[in-house]
C-alpha atoms as a PDB file:
ATOM      1  CA  UNK A   1       0.000   0.000   0.000  1.00  0.00           C
ATOM      2  CA  UNK A   2       2.868   2.353   0.733  1.00  0.00           C
ATOM      3  CA  UNK A   3       4.344   1.691  -2.649  1.00  0.00           C
ATOM      4  CA  UNK A   4       1.031   2.366  -4.318  1.00  0.00           C
ATOM      5  CA  UNK A   5       0.684   5.671  -2.393  1.00  0.00           C
ATOM      6  CA  UNK A   6       4.214   6.718  -3.288  1.00  0.00           C
ATOM      7  CA  UNK A   7       3.625   5.939  -6.933  1.00  0.00           C
ATOM      8  CA  UNK A   8       0.433   7.989  -6.936  1.00  0.00           C
ATOM      9  CA  UNK A   9       2.155  10.956  -5.276  1.00  0.00           C
ATOM     10  CA  UNK A  10       5.042  10.777  -7.768  1.00  0.00           C
ATOM     11  CA  UNK A  11       2.640  10.642 -10.671  1.00  0.00           C
ATOM     12  CA  UNK A  12       0.688  13.625  -9.357  1.00  0.00           C
ATOM     13  CA  UNK A  13       3.856  15.701  -8.793  1.00  0.00           C
ATOM     14  CA  UNK A  14       5.056  14.851 -12.287  1.00  0.00           C
ATOM     15  CA  UNK A  15       1.784  16.007 -13.746  1.00  0.00           C
ATOM     16  CA  UNK A  16       1.966  19.266 -11.771  1.00  0.00           C
ATOM     17  CA  UNK A  17       5.566  19.858 -12.932  1.00  0.00           C
ATOM     18  CA  UNK A  18       4.642  19.192 -16.525  1.00  0.00           C
ATOM     19  CA  UNK A  19       1.708  21.612 -16.290  1.00  0.00           C
ATOM     20  CA  UNK A  20       3.981  24.375 -14.847  1.00  0.00           C
ATOM     21  CA  UNK A  21       6.536  23.866 -17.612  1.00  0.00           C
ATOM     22  CA  UNK A  22       3.805  24.045 -20.225  1.00  0.00           C
ATOM     23  CA  UNK A  23       2.355  27.239 -18.664  1.00  0.00           C
ATOM     24  CA  UNK A  24       5.812  28.881 -18.498  1.00  0.00           C
ATOM     25  CA  UNK A  25       6.520  28.004 -22.096  1.00  0.00           C
ATOM     26  CA  UNK A  26       3.155  29.394 -23.152  1.00  0.00           C
ATOM     27  CA  UNK A  27       3.764  32.646 -21.259  1.00  0.00           C
ATOM     28  CA  UNK A  28       7.187  33.038 -22.881  1.00  0.00           C
ATOM     29  CA  UNK A  29       5.633  32.355 -26.204  1.00  0.00           C
ATOM     30  CA  UNK A  30       3.092  35.083 -25.575  1.00  0.00           C
ATOM     31  CA  UNK A  31       5.945  37.604 -24.819  1.00  0.00           C
ATOM     32  CA  UNK A  32       7.919  36.992 -28.012  1.00  0.00           C
ATOM     33  CA  UNK A  33       5.504  35.675 -30.509  1.00  0.00           C
ATOM     34  CA  UNK A  34       4.481  39.169 -31.944  1.00  0.00           C
ATOM     35  CA  UNK A  35       7.528  40.831 -33.599  1.00  0.00           C
ATOM     36  CA  UNK A  36       5.273  43.044 -35.709  1.00  0.00           C
ATOM     37  CA  UNK A  37       3.990  44.768 -32.589  1.00  0.00           C
ATOM     38  CA  UNK A  38       7.544  45.322 -31.358  1.00  0.00           C
ATOM     39  CA  UNK A  39       8.537  46.760 -34.757  1.00  0.00           C
ATOM     40  CA  UNK A  40       5.476  49.009 -34.791  1.00  0.00           C
ATOM     41  CA  UNK A  41       6.302  50.389 -31.326  1.00  0.00           C
ATOM     42  CA  UNK A  42       9.930  50.952 -32.318  1.00  0.00           C
ATOM     43  CA  UNK A  43       8.923  52.814 -35.468  1.00  0.00           C
ATOM     44  CA  UNK A  44       6.460  54.895 -33.481  1.00  0.00           C
ATOM     45  CA  UNK A  45       9.164  55.841 -30.958  1.00  0.00           C
ATOM     46  CA  UNK A  46      11.572  56.818 -33.745  1.00  0.00           C
ATOM     47  CA  UNK A  47       8.863  58.839 -35.461  1.00  0.00           C
ATOM     48  CA  UNK A  48       8.029  60.720 -32.259  1.00  0.00           C
ATOM     49  CA  UNK A  49      11.718  61.416 -31.640  1.00  0.00           C
ATOM     50  CA  UNK A  50      12.135  62.692 -35.209  1.00  0.00           C
ATOM     51  CA  UNK A  51       9.076  64.921 -34.929  1.00  0.00           C
ATOM     52  CA  UNK A  52      10.352  66.316 -31.628  1.00  0.00           C
ATOM     53  CA  UNK A  53      13.765  66.961 -33.172  1.00  0.00           C
ATOM     54  CA  UNK A  54      12.153  68.677 -36.175  1.00  0.00           C
ATOM     55  CA  UNK A  55      10.037  70.887 -33.915  1.00  0.00           C
ATOM     56  CA  UNK A  56      13.095  71.838 -31.881  1.00  0.00           C
ATOM     57  CA  UNK A  57      15.049  72.499 -35.080  1.00  0.00           C
ATOM     58  CA  UNK A  58      12.288  74.703 -36.498  1.00  0.00           C
ATOM     59  CA  UNK A  59      12.012  76.597 -33.234  1.00  0.00           C
ATOM     60  CA  UNK A  60      15.778  77.092 -33.127  1.00  0.00           C
ATOM     61  CA  UNK A  61      15.804  78.265 -36.748  1.00  0.00           C
ATOM     62  CA  UNK A  62      13.039  80.784 -36.013  1.00  0.00           C
ATOM     63  CA  UNK A  63      14.978  82.055 -33.017  1.00  0.00           C
ATOM     64  CA  UNK A  64      18.111  82.371 -35.148  1.00  0.00           C
ATOM     65  CA  UNK A  65      16.213  84.286 -37.830  1.00  0.00           C
ATOM     66  CA  UNK A  66      14.785  86.649 -35.213  1.00  0.00           C
ATOM     67  CA  UNK A  67      18.240  87.055 -33.691  1.00  0.00           C
ATOM     68  CA  UNK A  68      19.643  87.928 -37.119  1.00  0.00           C
ATOM     69  CA  UNK A  69      16.975  90.628 -37.482  1.00  0.00           C
ATOM     70  CA  UNK A  70      17.839  92.028 -34.049  1.00  0.00           C
ATOM     71  CA  UNK A  71      21.562  91.966 -34.815  1.00  0.00           C
ATOM     72  CA  UNK A  72      21.005  93.767 -38.118  1.00  0.00           C
ATOM     73  CA  UNK A  73      18.884  96.404 -36.400  1.00  0.00           C
ATOM     74  CA  UNK A  74      21.491  97.076 -33.721  1.00  0.00           C
ATOM     75  CA  UNK A  75      24.242  97.027 -36.323  1.00  0.00           C
ATOM     76  CA  UNK A  76      22.427  99.749 -38.252  1.00  0.00           C
ATOM     77  CA  UNK A  77      22.019 101.760 -35.033  1.00  0.00           C
ATOM     78  CA  UNK A  78      25.731 101.419 -34.299  1.00  0.00           C
ATOM     79  CA  UNK A  79      26.594 102.416 -37.864  1.00  0.00           C
ATOM     80  CA  UNK A  80      24.384 105.505 -37.637  1.00  0.00           C
ATOM     81  CA  UNK A  81      25.922 106.501 -34.292  1.00  0.00           C
ATOM     82  CA  UNK A  82      29.407 106.005 -35.727  1.00  0.00           C
ATOM     83  CA  UNK A  83      28.623 108.364 -38.605  1.00  0.00           C
ATOM     84  CA  UNK A  84      27.260 111.025 -36.237  1.00  0.00           C
ATOM     85  CA  UNK A  85      30.257 110.635 -33.933  1.00  0.00           C
ATOM     86  CA  UNK A  86      32.663 110.963 -36.865  1.00  0.00           C
ATOM     87  CA  UNK A  87      30.967 114.183 -37.973  1.00  0.00           C
ATOM     88  CA  UNK A  88      31.201 115.695 -34.489  1.00  0.00           C
ATOM     89  CA  UNK A  89      34.792 114.521 -34.195  1.00  0.00           C
ATOM     90  CA  UNK A  90      35.693 116.172 -37.498  1.00  0.00           C
ATOM     91  CA  UNK A  91      34.122 119.458 -36.364  1.00  0.00           C
ATOM     92  CA  UNK A  92      36.045 119.264 -33.100  1.00  0.00           C
ATOM     93  CA  UNK A  93      39.293 118.576 -34.956  1.00  0.00           C
ATOM     94  CA  UNK A  94      38.734 121.620 -37.164  1.00  0.00           C
ATOM     95  CA  UNK A  95      38.099 123.748 -34.087  1.00  0.00           C
ATOM     96  CA  UNK A  96      41.238 122.344 -32.472  1.00  0.00           C
ATOM     97  CA  UNK A  97      43.335 123.380 -35.492  1.00  0.00           C
ATOM     98  CA  UNK A  98      41.821 126.870 -35.416  1.00  0.00           C
ATOM     99  CA  UNK A  99      42.515 127.024 -31.704  1.00  0.00           C
ATOM    100  CA  UNK A 100      46.173 126.227 -32.370  1.00  0.00           C
ATOM    101  CA  UNK A 101      46.293 129.085 -34.886  1.00  0.00           C
ATOM    102  CA  UNK A 102      44.674 131.382 -32.309  1.00  0.00           C
ATOM    103  CA  UNK A 103      47.366 130.456 -29.794  1.00  0.00           C
ATOM    104  CA  UNK A 104      50.092 131.241 -32.327  1.00  0.00           C
ATOM    105  CA  UNK A 105      48.501 134.587 -33.235  1.00  0.00           C
ATOM    106  CA  UNK A 106      48.055 135.502 -29.566  1.00  0.00           C
ATOM    107  CA  UNK A 107      51.698 134.625 -28.879  1.00  0.00           C
ATOM    108  CA  UNK A 108      52.706 136.935 -31.740  1.00  0.00           C
ATOM    109  CA  UNK A 109      50.567 139.726 -30.280  1.00  0.00           C
ATOM    110  CA  UNK A 110      52.263 139.193 -26.917  1.00  0.00           C
ATOM    111  CA  UNK A 111      55.719 139.551 -28.499  1.00  0.00           C
ATOM    112  CA  UNK A 112      54.623 142.756 -30.233  1.00  0.00           C
ATOM    113  CA  UNK A 113      53.341 144.119 -26.926  1.00  0.00           C
ATOM    114  CA  UNK A 114      56.639 143.290 -25.226  1.00  0.00           C
ATOM    115  CA  UNK A 115      58.532 145.069 -27.991  1.00  0.00           C
ATOM    116  CA  UNK A 116      56.361 148.180 -27.588  1.00  0.00           C
ATOM    117  CA  UNK A 117      56.901 148.174 -23.821  1.00  0.00           C
ATOM    118  CA  UNK A 118      60.656 147.817 -24.327  1.00  0.00           C
ATOM    119  CA  UNK A 119      60.660 150.840 -26.622  1.00  0.00           C
ATOM    120  CA  UNK A 120      58.593 152.819 -24.130  1.00  0.00           C
ATOM    121  CA  UNK A 121      61.055 151.981 -21.352  1.00  0.00           C
ATOM    122  CA  UNK A 122      63.887 153.446 -23.425  1.00  0.00           C
ATOM    123  CA  UNK A 123      62.115 156.732 -24.138  1.00  0.00           C
ATOM    124  CA  UNK A 124      63.139 160.007 -22.555  1.00  0.00           C
ATOM    125  CA  UNK A 125      61.064 160.387 -19.411  1.00  0.00           C
ATOM    126  CA  UNK A 126      58.981 163.517 -19.548  1.00  0.00           C
ATOM    127  CA  UNK A 127      56.475 164.069 -16.799  1.00  0.00           C
ATOM    128  CA  UNK A 128      55.010 161.315 -14.574  1.00  0.00           C
ATOM    129  CA  UNK A 129      55.117 157.850 -16.171  1.00  0.00           C
ATOM    130  CA  UNK A 130      52.047 156.671 -14.249  1.00  0.00           C
ATOM    131  CA  UNK A 131      49.971 159.247 -16.022  1.00  0.00           C
ATOM    132  CA  UNK A 132      51.159 158.149 -19.414  1.00  0.00           C
ATOM    133  CA  UNK A 133      48.070 156.657 -21.042  1.00  0.00           C
ATOM    134  CA  UNK A 134      50.137 154.729 -23.565  1.00  0.00           C
ATOM    135  CA  UNK A 135      52.013 152.798 -20.882  1.00  0.00           C
ATOM    136  CA  UNK A 136      48.781 152.134 -19.001  1.00  0.00           C
ATOM    137  CA  UNK A 137      47.064 150.772 -22.108  1.00  0.00           C
ATOM    138  CA  UNK A 138      50.095 148.687 -23.077  1.00  0.00           C
ATOM    139  CA  UNK A 139      50.163 147.042 -19.651  1.00  0.00           C
ATOM    140  CA  UNK A 140      46.413 146.542 -19.851  1.00  0.00           C
ATOM    141  CA  UNK A 141      46.825 144.901 -23.253  1.00  0.00           C
ATOM    142  CA  UNK A 142      49.592 142.694 -21.855  1.00  0.00           C
ATOM    143  CA  UNK A 143      47.333 141.454 -19.051  1.00  0.00           C
ATOM    144  CA  UNK A 144      44.515 140.829 -21.526  1.00  0.00           C
ATOM    145  CA  UNK A 145      46.783 138.827 -23.837  1.00  0.00           C
ATOM    146  CA  UNK A 146      48.079 136.736 -20.925  1.00  0.00           C
ATOM    147  CA  UNK A 147      44.524 136.018 -19.767  1.00  0.00           C
ATOM    148  CA  UNK A 148      43.452 135.052 -23.305  1.00  0.00           C
ATOM    149  CA  UNK A 149      46.438 132.736 -23.667  1.00  0.00           C
ATOM    150  CA  UNK A 150      45.528 131.047 -20.394  1.00  0.00           C
ATOM    151  CA  UNK A 151      41.916 130.532 -21.501  1.00  0.00           C
ATOM    152  CA  UNK A 152      42.992 129.234 -24.908  1.00  0.00           C
ATOM    153  CA  UNK A 153      45.342 126.693 -23.310  1.00  0.00           C
ATOM    154  CA  UNK A 154      42.569 125.492 -21.004  1.00  0.00           C
ATOM    155  CA  UNK A 155      40.267 125.081 -23.992  1.00  0.00           C
ATOM    156  CA  UNK A 156      43.018 123.259 -25.869  1.00  0.00           C
ATOM    157  CA  UNK A 157      43.464 120.772 -23.018  1.00  0.00           C
ATOM    158  CA  UNK A 158      39.699 120.279 -22.832  1.00  0.00           C
ATOM    159  CA  UNK A 159      39.494 119.610 -26.566  1.00  0.00           C
ATOM    160  CA  UNK A 160      42.364 117.111 -26.429  1.00  0.00           C
ATOM    161  CA  UNK A 161      40.670 115.204 -23.603  1.00  0.00           C
ATOM    162  CA  UNK A 162      37.376 115.141 -25.491  1.00  0.00           C
ATOM    163  CA  UNK A 163      39.113 113.893 -28.639  1.00  0.00           C
ATOM    164  CA  UNK A 164      40.562 111.017 -26.601  1.00  0.00           C
ATOM    165  CA  UNK A 165      37.100 110.216 -25.186  1.00  0.00           C
ATOM    166  CA  UNK A 166      35.646 110.255 -28.700  1.00  0.00           C
ATOM    167  CA  UNK A 167      38.338 107.853 -29.878  1.00  0.00           C
ATOM    168  CA  UNK A 168      37.562 105.446 -27.023  1.00  0.00           C
ATOM    169  CA  UNK A 169      33.826 105.552 -27.807  1.00  0.00           C
ATOM    170  CA  UNK A 170      34.564 105.040 -31.505  1.00  0.00           C
ATOM    171  CA  UNK A 171      36.765 101.991 -30.856  1.00  0.00           C
ATOM    172  CA  UNK A 172      34.118 100.486 -28.558  1.00  0.00           C
ATOM    173  CA  UNK A 173      31.418 100.907 -31.194  1.00  0.00           C
ATOM    174  CA  UNK A 174      33.661  99.509 -33.921  1.00  0.00           C
ATOM    175  CA  UNK A 175      34.399  96.433 -31.801  1.00  0.00           C
ATOM    176  CA  UNK A 176      30.710  95.939 -31.042  1.00  0.00           C
ATOM    177  CA  UNK A 177      29.809  96.378 -34.724  1.00  0.00           C
ATOM    178  CA  UNK A 178      32.492  93.890 -35.825  1.00  0.00           C
ATOM    179  CA  UNK A 179      31.309  91.292 -33.313  1.00  0.00           C
ATOM    180  CA  UNK A 180      27.729  91.674 -34.497  1.00  0.00           C
ATOM    181  CA  UNK A 181      28.772  91.179 -38.117  1.00  0.00           C
ATOM    182  CA  UNK A 182      30.550  87.966 -37.123  1.00  0.00           C
ATOM    183  CA  UNK A 183      27.461  86.922 -35.148  1.00  0.00           C
ATOM    184  CA  UNK A 184      25.240  87.542 -38.173  1.00  0.00           C
ATOM    185  CA  UNK A 185      27.515  85.377 -40.335  1.00  0.00           C
ATOM    186  CA  UNK A 186      27.500  82.542 -37.785  1.00  0.00           C
ATOM    187  CA  UNK A 187      23.731  82.731 -37.278  1.00  0.00           C
ATOM    188  CA  UNK A 188      23.193  82.700 -41.048  1.00  0.00           C
ATOM    189  CA  UNK A 189      25.308  79.567 -41.254  1.00  0.00           C
ATOM    190  CA  UNK A 190      23.450  77.916 -38.360  1.00  0.00           C
ATOM    191  CA  UNK A 191      20.045  78.847 -39.797  1.00  0.00           C
ATOM    192  CA  UNK A 192      21.084  77.457 -43.190  1.00  0.00           C
ATOM    193  CA  UNK A 193      22.049  74.159 -41.550  1.00  0.00           C
ATOM    194  CA  UNK A 194      18.488  73.907 -40.244  1.00  0.00           C
ATOM    195  CA  UNK A 195      16.703  74.825 -43.489  1.00  0.00           C
ATOM    196  CA  UNK A 196      18.987  73.313 -46.123  1.00  0.00           C
ATOM    197  CA  UNK A 197      18.258  69.602 -46.612  1.00  0.00           C
ATOM    198  CA  UNK A 198      21.830  68.827 -47.617  1.00  0.00           C
ATOM    199  CA  UNK A 199      23.308  70.539 -44.576  1.00  0.00           C
ATOM    200  CA  UNK A 200      20.614  69.275 -42.191  1.00  0.00           C
ATOM    201  CA  UNK A 201      21.515  65.665 -42.967  1.00  0.00           C
ATOM    202  CA  UNK A 202      25.179  66.231 -42.103  1.00  0.00           C
ATOM    203  CA  UNK A 203      26.836  66.481 -38.734  1.00  0.00           C
ATOM    204  CA  UNK A 204      29.345  69.281 -38.032  1.00  0.00           C
ATOM    205  CA  UNK A 205      32.855  68.360 -39.055  1.00  0.00           C
ATOM    206  CA  UNK A 206      36.216  70.010 -38.559  1.00  0.00           C
ATOM    207  CA  UNK A 207      36.410  71.331 -42.114  1.00  0.00           C
ATOM    208  CA  UNK A 208      33.332  73.545 -41.714  1.00  0.00           C
ATOM    209  CA  UNK A 209      34.145  74.956 -38.277  1.00  0.00           C
ATOM    210  CA  UNK A 210      36.222  77.978 -37.416  1.00  0.00           C
ATOM    211  CA  UNK A 211      38.546  77.721 -34.455  1.00  0.00           C
ATOM    212  CA  UNK A 212      39.449  80.214 -31.758  1.00  0.00           C
ATOM    213  CA  UNK A 213      41.861  79.372 -28.937  1.00  0.00           C
ATOM    214  CA  UNK A 214      41.845  75.737 -30.005  1.00  0.00           C
ATOM    215  CA  UNK A 215      38.054  75.362 -29.697  1.00  0.00           C
ATOM    216  CA  UNK A 216      35.492  75.320 -32.530  1.00  0.00           C
ATOM    217  CA  UNK A 217      33.682  78.625 -32.966  1.00  0.00           C
ATOM    218  CA  UNK A 218      30.135  77.347 -33.366  1.00  0.00           C
ATOM    219  CA  UNK A 219      28.300  78.771 -30.343  1.00  0.00           C
ATOM    220  CA  UNK A 220      28.486  82.461 -29.569  1.00  0.00           C
ATOM    221  CA  UNK A 221      27.314  82.000 -25.991  1.00  0.00           C
ATOM    222  CA  UNK A 222      30.507  80.103 -25.200  1.00  0.00           C
ATOM    223  CA  UNK A 223      32.609  83.238 -25.654  1.00  0.00           C
ATOM    224  CA  UNK A 224      32.170  86.166 -23.249  1.00  0.00           C
ATOM    225  CA  UNK A 225      33.399  88.709 -25.812  1.00  0.00           C
ATOM    226  CA  UNK A 226      30.244  88.163 -27.853  1.00  0.00           C
ATOM    227  CA  UNK A 227      28.134  89.595 -25.055  1.00  0.00           C
ATOM    228  CA  UNK A 228      28.275  93.355 -25.604  1.00  0.00           C
ATOM    229  CA  UNK A 229      26.089  95.898 -23.891  1.00  0.00           C
ATOM    230  CA  UNK A 230      25.145  97.724 -27.053  1.00  0.00           C
ATOM    231  CA  UNK A 231      22.824 100.156 -25.295  1.00  0.00           C
ATOM    232  CA  UNK A 232      25.631 101.198 -22.948  1.00  0.00           C
ATOM    233  CA  UNK A 233      28.030 101.654 -25.860  1.00  0.00           C
ATOM    234  CA  UNK A 234      25.500 103.734 -27.789  1.00  0.00           C
ATOM    235  CA  UNK A 235      24.796 105.910 -24.740  1.00  0.00           C
ATOM    236  CA  UNK A 236      28.512 106.429 -24.187  1.00  0.00           C
ATOM    237  CA  UNK A 237      28.986 107.477 -27.807  1.00  0.00           C
ATOM    238  CA  UNK A 238      25.947 109.774 -27.641  1.00  0.00           C
ATOM    239  CA  UNK A 239      27.306 111.465 -24.498  1.00  0.00           C
ATOM    240  CA  UNK A 240      30.687 111.937 -26.165  1.00  0.00           C
ATOM    241  CA  UNK A 241      28.969 113.411 -29.216  1.00  0.00           C
ATOM    242  CA  UNK A 242      26.903 115.835 -27.103  1.00  0.00           C
ATOM    243  CA  UNK A 243      29.977 116.910 -25.127  1.00  0.00           C
ATOM    244  CA  UNK A 244      31.857 117.487 -28.375  1.00  0.00           C
ATOM    245  CA  UNK A 245      29.072 119.703 -29.683  1.00  0.00           C
ATOM    246  CA  UNK A 246      28.958 121.694 -26.443  1.00  0.00           C
ATOM    247  CA  UNK A 247      32.733 122.147 -26.445  1.00  0.00           C
ATOM    248  CA  UNK A 248      32.630 123.271 -30.075  1.00  0.00           C
ATOM    249  CA  UNK A 249      29.946 125.851 -29.299  1.00  0.00           C
ATOM    250  CA  UNK A 250      31.777 127.026 -26.190  1.00  0.00           C
ATOM    251  CA  UNK A 251      35.041 127.253 -28.105  1.00  0.00           C
ATOM    252  CA  UNK A 252      33.492 129.319 -30.880  1.00  0.00           C
ATOM    253  CA  UNK A 253      31.782 131.688 -28.426  1.00  0.00           C
ATOM    254  CA  UNK A 254      34.822 132.173 -26.171  1.00  0.00           C
ATOM    255  CA  UNK A 255      37.261 132.724 -29.024  1.00  0.00           C
ATOM    256  CA  UNK A 256      34.868 135.232 -30.593  1.00  0.00           C
ATOM    257  CA  UNK A 257      34.600 137.172 -27.337  1.00  0.00           C
ATOM    258  CA  UNK A 258      38.368 137.101 -26.753  1.00  0.00           C
ATOM    259  CA  UNK A 259      39.015 138.235 -30.318  1.00  0.00           C
ATOM    260  CA  UNK A 260      36.621 141.175 -29.886  1.00  0.00           C
ATOM    261  CA  UNK A 261      38.282 142.203 -26.618  1.00  0.00           C
ATOM    262  CA  UNK A 262      41.796 142.010 -28.057  1.00  0.00           C
ATOM    263  CA  UNK A 263      40.712 143.812 -31.219  1.00  0.00           C
ATOM    264  CA  UNK A 264      39.133 146.624 -29.202  1.00  0.00           C
ATOM    265  CA  UNK A 265      42.215 146.924 -26.985  1.00  0.00           C
ATOM    266  CA  UNK A 266      44.518 146.856 -30.020  1.00  0.00           C
ATOM    267  CA  UNK A 267      42.545 149.685 -31.656  1.00  0.00           C
ATOM    268  CA  UNK A 268      42.799 151.735 -28.451  1.00  0.00           C
ATOM    269  CA  UNK A 269      46.553 151.133 -28.136  1.00  0.00           C
ATOM    270  CA  UNK A 270      47.078 151.889 -31.816  1.00  0.00           C
ATOM    271  CA  UNK A 271      45.261 155.229 -31.487  1.00  0.00           C
ATOM    272  CA  UNK A 272      47.252 156.182 -28.399  1.00  0.00           C
ATOM    273  CA  UNK A 273      50.532 155.202 -30.069  1.00  0.00           C
ATOM    274  CA  UNK A 274      49.673 157.351 -33.078  1.00  0.00           C
ATOM    275  CA  UNK A 275      48.877 160.285 -30.789  1.00  0.00           C
ATOM    276  CA  UNK A 276      52.117 159.681 -28.898  1.00  0.00           C
ATOM    277  CA  UNK A 277      54.124 159.581 -32.138  1.00  0.00           C
ATOM    278  CA  UNK A 278      52.454 162.803 -33.265  1.00  0.00           C
ATOM    279  CA  UNK A 279      53.252 164.463 -29.931  1.00  0.00           C
ATOM    280  CA  UNK A 280      56.892 163.332 -30.081  1.00  0.00           C
ATOM    281  CA  UNK A 281      57.197 164.634 -33.630  1.00  0.00           C
ATOM    282  CA  UNK A 282      55.790 168.001 -32.553  1.00  0.00           C
ATOM    283  CA  UNK A 283      58.281 168.139 -29.658  1.00  0.00           C
ATOM    284  CA  UNK A 284      61.103 167.191 -31.998  1.00  0.00           C
ATOM    285  CA  UNK A 285      60.145 169.853 -34.522  1.00  0.00           C
ATOM    286  CA  UNK A 286      59.854 172.408 -31.716  1.00  0.00           C
ATOM    287  CA  UNK A 287      63.311 171.522 -30.431  1.00  0.00           C
ATOM    288  CA  UNK A 288      64.792 171.663 -33.921  1.00  0.00           C
ATOM    289  CA  UNK A 289      63.257 175.111 -34.386  1.00  0.00           C
ATOM    290  CA  UNK A 290      64.835 176.367 -31.163  1.00  0.00           C
ATOM    291  CA  UNK A 291      68.311 175.175 -32.139  1.00  0.00           C
ATOM    292  CA  UNK A 292      70.174 177.854 -34.154  1.00  0.00           C
ATOM    293  CA  UNK A 293      71.241 176.698 -37.560  1.00  0.00           C
END
């Protein structure tokens, strides 16, 4: 009886084992028996990834196109400001040359005044020298010439400083403009890679990349020199241009006033010198008449 029971238990366990093996095989068959479904899911995943990449590429291309428009706009603004700054700088340079001529002319007037004073010091003293109107006017003219020379030198230093400031603003704008032109070229190339079918199917290679400091120049954001505060540069150039115009106006007004003062004083001194020469000639003729022949 024990043998019969053992045989029955063994037979039952064998049947259970066989049923488990069959079920496991059937489940594995269910996992791998539909390759078409796996292929369909794979194709769907690839299609979704391609569509996502295309959307990102189109969005990037649109951003690049908009960036190109912005860069062109700011480049035109920089170009316009450069032209205005050059015009103001040319006017200031012309005024600086005229100012140099004014300094030379004033120095010549000072030498003439010194010569007149030297002649007056050698004259025969008749009467009180402090009451001599010619000497008083000559000393007054000397003080006026010295004051005008001082003002002209101050204006000359101011103009030189402003010319240096204009040059700095000009170089900053030129650098900003050059960087924007390079940025436009790079963005055009990047946008073309997104829209051109031939370029879109290719990956970047070393032959089509420019290099700077050993690294490929393909992303502007990787280089800090691309980031330029254009508004700040334009404001700096505008301030330099306004200061140049103000200095030019001030220079013209001050030189005109100084010229009028020196001209008026020169006319006064000339009249007094003529009267003095006439008086000396009358005294000389009177003395000659008193001397017996």
